[in-house]
Amino acid sequence: MSCREGPMSPQTETKA
C-alpha cells in the first residue's frame, strides 16, 4: 500500500 521499490511497482502493492 506504500511505495517501497518504486512509484508504481508491480511487485509491491502501491496505491499512490
PDB file of N, CA and C in Angstrom:
ATOM      1  N   MET A   1       0.838  -1.200   0.000  1.00  0.00           N
ATOM      2  CA  MET A   1       0.000   0.000   0.000  1.00  0.00           C
ATOM      3  C   MET A   1       0.875   1.252   0.000  1.00  0.00           C
ATOM      4  N   SER A   2       2.159   1.058   0.237  1.00  0.00           N
ATOM      5  CA  SER A   2       3.088   2.192   0.207  1.00  0.00           C
ATOM      6  C   SER A   2       4.162   1.948  -0.841  1.00  0.00           C
ATOM      7  N   CYS A   3       4.725   3.018  -1.343  1.00  0.00           N
ATOM      8  CA  CYS A   3       5.772   2.893  -2.355  1.00  0.00           C
ATOM      9  C   CYS A   3       7.064   2.444  -1.673  1.00  0.00           C
ATOM     10  N   ARG A   4       7.573   1.291  -2.079  1.00  0.00           N
ATOM     11  CA  ARG A   4       8.812   0.812  -1.462  1.00  0.00           C
ATOM     12  C   ARG A   4       9.898   0.677  -2.530  1.00  0.00           C
ATOM     13  N   GLU A   5       9.592  -0.041  -3.600  1.00  0.00           N
ATOM     14  CA  GLU A   5      10.610  -0.224  -4.639  1.00  0.00           C
ATOM     15  C   GLU A   5      10.559   0.918  -5.639  1.00  0.00           C
ATOM     16  N   GLY A   6       9.371   1.367  -5.953  1.00  0.00           N
ATOM     17  CA  GLY A   6       9.246   2.439  -6.934  1.00  0.00           C
ATOM     18  C   GLY A   6       7.905   3.125  -6.814  1.00  0.00           C
ATOM     19  N   PRO A   7       7.639   4.103  -7.651  1.00  0.00           N
ATOM     20  CA  PRO A   7       6.394   4.856  -7.638  1.00  0.00           C
ATOM     21  C   PRO A   7       5.215   3.977  -8.069  1.00  0.00           C
ATOM     22  N   MET A   8       5.474   3.036  -8.930  1.00  0.00           N
ATOM     23  CA  MET A   8       4.406   2.119  -9.373  1.00  0.00           C
ATOM     24  C   MET A   8       5.014   0.754  -9.662  1.00  0.00           C
ATOM     25  N   SER A   9       5.363   0.039  -8.599  1.00  0.00           N
ATOM     26  CA  SER A   9       5.993  -1.262  -8.772  1.00  0.00           C
ATOM     27  C   SER A   9       4.922  -2.349  -8.849  1.00  0.00           C
ATOM     28  N   PRO A  10       5.021  -3.224  -9.825  1.00  0.00           N
ATOM     29  CA  PRO A  10       4.070  -4.321  -9.993  1.00  0.00           C
ATOM     30  C   PRO A  10       4.278  -5.383  -8.913  1.00  0.00           C
ATOM     31  N   GLN A  11       5.445  -5.396  -8.281  1.00  0.00           N
ATOM     32  CA  GLN A  11       5.728  -6.396  -7.261  1.00  0.00           C
ATOM     33  C   GLN A  11       5.130  -5.964  -5.927  1.00  0.00           C
ATOM     34  N   THR A  12       5.186  -4.654  -5.654  1.00  0.00           N
ATOM     35  CA  THR A  12       4.645  -4.152  -4.390  1.00  0.00           C
ATOM     36  C   THR A  12       3.270  -3.538  -4.631  1.00  0.00           C
ATOM     37  N   GLU A  13       2.408  -3.639  -3.640  1.00  0.00           N
ATOM     38  CA  GLU A  13       1.065  -3.078  -3.798  1.00  0.00           C
ATOM     39  C   GLU A  13       1.097  -1.582  -3.539  1.00  0.00           C
ATOM     40  N   THR A  14       1.357  -0.827  -4.599  1.00  0.00           N
ATOM     41  CA  THR A  14       1.428   0.634  -4.450  1.00  0.00           C
ATOM     42  C   THR A  14       0.116   1.253  -4.896  1.00  0.00           C
ATOM     43  N   LYS A  15      -0.490   2.005  -3.982  1.00  0.00           N
ATOM     44  CA  LYS A  15      -1.752   2.656  -4.330  1.00  0.00           C
ATOM     45  C   LYS A  15      -1.574   4.160  -4.223  1.00  0.00           C
ATOM     46  N   ALA A  16      -0.566   4.650  -4.920  1.00  0.00           N
ATOM     47  CA  ALA A  16      -0.305   6.091  -4.844  1.00  0.00           C
ATOM     48  C   ALA A  16      -0.753   6.748  -6.142  1.00  0.00           C
TER      49      ALA A  16
END
